Amino acid sequence: MVHALEEIRRVLVRDGILIDLRPLVDAWPIEVVTARGREQAGHVTDLSQALEEDAAANDAMARGEQAGLLRRDREELFPFHYTWDSPREMQEYLEQEWEDFAGVEEAAWQRIRSAWALAGADARVGIRLKMLITRWIRAE
C-alpha cells in the first residue's frame, strides 16, 4: 500500500489533499432503536480478516507519513448507522452483503429478535460503525 501512497503523492497537486474514509473495525454494537431510545442487543463478530486489513491500512498510512509522502492535517471519528426494519431484513442483508466479512452469533440473534419484538411497532434494528475520516496533505 505504500507504493499506492507514493503514486497518490505523485499525482496530487501542490497542497493537494487525500481523504482517508473508512470504518474502524471494532465490536460494532447491534441496537434495537425506538423513539424512546436505543437498546444494545449484541455485537458483530467474525471480523478477523477485517482486523488484519485495518491494521495493514493503519501501518501503511503511518509509514507513508514517516517517509514524508503525506502530512496528517485533521482526523475525526464519527458514527455511521446501518438500519433495518426487522431482524430478518438485517440477517438477510448480512448474509448477502457481508458474508465474507462479518457475522452475528446465534445467541445474539435471539437477543436481537426478543428485544425487537418487545420494543413496539416503531422499532428498528441497526449496527453502529465507528468511522474514521482523515485529511492528508501532500508533503513537500
Protein backbone atom coordinates (compact mmCIF):
# COMPACT_ATOMS: atom_id res chain seq x y z
CA MET A 1 0.00 0.00 0.00
CA VAL A 2 2.96 2.33 0.50
CA HIS A 3 3.56 2.07 -3.26
CA ALA A 4 -0.01 3.26 -3.78
CA LEU A 5 0.66 6.21 -1.46
CA GLU A 6 3.76 7.09 -3.47
CA GLU A 7 1.64 7.13 -6.63
CA ILE A 8 -1.06 9.20 -4.92
CA ARG A 9 1.53 11.74 -3.82
CA ARG A 10 2.96 11.85 -7.33
CA VAL A 11 -0.38 12.81 -8.89
CA LEU A 12 -1.54 15.20 -6.16
CA VAL A 13 -1.01 18.86 -6.93
CA ARG A 14 0.98 21.00 -4.51
CA ASP A 15 -1.02 21.22 -1.25
CA GLY A 16 -3.41 18.61 -2.68
CA ILE A 17 -5.45 16.57 -0.24
CA LEU A 18 -6.22 12.90 0.20
CA ILE A 19 -9.29 11.88 2.18
CA ASP A 20 -9.00 8.56 4.02
CA LEU A 21 -12.55 7.50 4.94
CA ARG A 22 -13.13 4.02 6.33
CA PRO A 23 -14.78 2.09 9.11
CA LEU A 24 -12.58 1.14 12.02
CA VAL A 25 -13.03 -2.50 12.82
CA ASP A 26 -14.40 -2.91 16.30
CA ALA A 27 -17.03 -5.00 18.04
CA TRP A 28 -19.73 -2.88 16.38
CA PRO A 29 -22.85 -2.79 18.55
CA ILE A 30 -26.18 -4.08 17.26
CA GLU A 31 -29.02 -1.96 18.62
CA VAL A 32 -32.78 -2.00 18.71
CA VAL A 33 -33.84 1.61 18.16
CA THR A 34 -37.19 3.17 19.03
CA ALA A 35 -38.48 6.68 19.65
CA ARG A 36 -37.74 6.06 23.35
CA GLY A 37 -34.07 5.24 22.81
CA ARG A 38 -31.55 2.52 21.95
CA GLU A 39 -31.03 -0.89 23.48
CA GLN A 40 -27.83 -2.75 22.75
CA ALA A 41 -28.68 -6.36 21.86
CA GLY A 42 -25.42 -7.80 20.54
CA HIS A 43 -22.24 -7.22 18.55
CA VAL A 44 -20.96 -8.00 15.09
CA THR A 45 -18.38 -10.80 15.24
CA ASP A 46 -16.07 -12.75 12.91
CA LEU A 47 -14.05 -9.70 11.94
CA SER A 48 -10.61 -11.32 11.89
CA GLN A 49 -9.85 -10.65 8.21
CA ALA A 50 -11.11 -7.10 8.52
CA LEU A 51 -8.94 -6.56 11.60
CA GLU A 52 -5.87 -7.59 9.59
CA GLU A 53 -6.81 -5.26 6.73
CA ASP A 54 -7.45 -2.41 9.16
CA ALA A 55 -4.06 -2.90 10.80
CA ALA A 56 -2.35 -3.03 7.38
CA ALA A 57 -4.04 0.22 6.29
CA ASN A 58 -3.07 1.98 9.54
CA ASP A 59 0.51 0.72 9.19
CA ALA A 60 0.77 1.84 5.56
CA MET A 61 -0.53 5.34 6.37
CA ALA A 62 1.92 5.63 9.29
CA ARG A 63 4.82 4.52 7.07
CA GLY A 64 3.74 6.97 4.36
CA GLU A 65 3.71 9.76 6.91
CA GLN A 66 7.13 8.76 8.30
CA ALA A 67 8.52 8.66 4.76
CA GLY A 68 7.34 12.23 4.22
CA LEU A 69 4.83 11.39 1.48
CA LEU A 70 1.80 12.88 3.21
CA ARG A 71 1.15 15.03 6.26
CA ARG A 72 -1.85 14.35 8.51
CA ASP A 73 -3.91 17.54 8.70
CA ARG A 74 -7.13 16.59 10.53
CA GLU A 75 -8.66 13.41 11.84
CA GLU A 76 -12.05 12.64 13.37
CA LEU A 77 -14.16 9.68 14.38
CA PHE A 78 -17.92 9.61 13.84
CA PRO A 79 -20.71 7.02 13.95
CA PHE A 80 -22.32 5.56 10.84
CA HIS A 81 -25.59 3.68 11.21
CA TYR A 82 -26.96 0.82 9.14
CA THR A 83 -30.67 0.39 9.90
CA TRP A 84 -33.28 -2.25 9.00
CA ASP A 85 -37.00 -2.60 9.72
CA SER A 86 -36.62 -6.05 11.26
CA PRO A 87 -34.02 -8.58 12.43
CA ARG A 88 -34.96 -10.77 9.44
CA GLU A 89 -34.11 -7.97 6.97
CA MET A 90 -30.84 -7.34 8.77
CA GLN A 91 -29.92 -11.02 8.73
CA GLU A 92 -30.69 -11.33 5.00
CA TYR A 93 -28.57 -8.27 4.25
CA LEU A 94 -25.61 -9.51 6.30
CA GLU A 95 -25.78 -12.96 4.69
CA GLN A 96 -25.79 -11.45 1.19
CA GLU A 97 -23.52 -8.43 1.56
CA TRP A 98 -21.22 -9.20 4.50
CA GLU A 99 -20.97 -13.00 4.24
CA ASP A 100 -17.18 -12.99 3.86
CA PHE A 101 -16.66 -10.08 6.21
CA ALA A 102 -18.66 -10.34 9.43
CA GLY A 103 -21.30 -12.29 11.25
CA VAL A 104 -23.55 -12.44 14.27
CA GLU A 105 -23.64 -15.33 16.72
CA GLU A 106 -26.92 -17.22 17.14
CA ALA A 107 -27.26 -16.22 20.81
CA ALA A 108 -27.06 -12.57 19.75
CA TRP A 109 -29.73 -13.12 17.07
CA GLN A 110 -32.04 -14.47 19.77
CA ARG A 111 -31.46 -11.39 21.95
CA ILE A 112 -31.96 -9.09 18.95
CA ARG A 113 -35.25 -10.76 17.94
CA SER A 114 -36.52 -10.67 21.51
CA ALA A 115 -35.61 -7.01 22.07
CA TRP A 116 -37.15 -6.04 18.72
CA ALA A 117 -40.39 -7.94 19.43
CA LEU A 118 -40.76 -6.27 22.84
CA ALA A 119 -39.87 -2.78 21.59
CA GLY A 120 -43.08 -1.96 19.74
CA ALA A 121 -44.24 -1.06 16.25
CA ASP A 122 -41.69 1.69 15.62
CA ALA A 123 -38.66 -0.50 16.43
CA ARG A 124 -35.77 -0.76 14.01
CA VAL A 125 -32.58 -2.80 14.18
CA GLY A 126 -29.22 -1.25 13.47
CA ILE A 127 -25.46 -1.57 13.53
CA ARG A 128 -23.40 1.40 14.66
CA LEU A 129 -20.00 1.54 12.95
CA LYS A 130 -17.10 3.70 14.05
CA MET A 131 -15.87 5.67 11.05
CA LEU A 132 -12.51 7.38 10.64
CA ILE A 133 -12.00 10.34 8.36
CA THR A 134 -8.52 11.76 7.94
CA ARG A 135 -7.43 14.62 5.75
CA TRP A 136 -3.89 14.20 4.44
CA ILE A 137 -1.95 16.90 2.62
CA ARG A 138 0.83 16.25 0.13
CA ALA A 139 4.11 16.77 1.94
CA GLU A 140 6.70 18.90 0.17
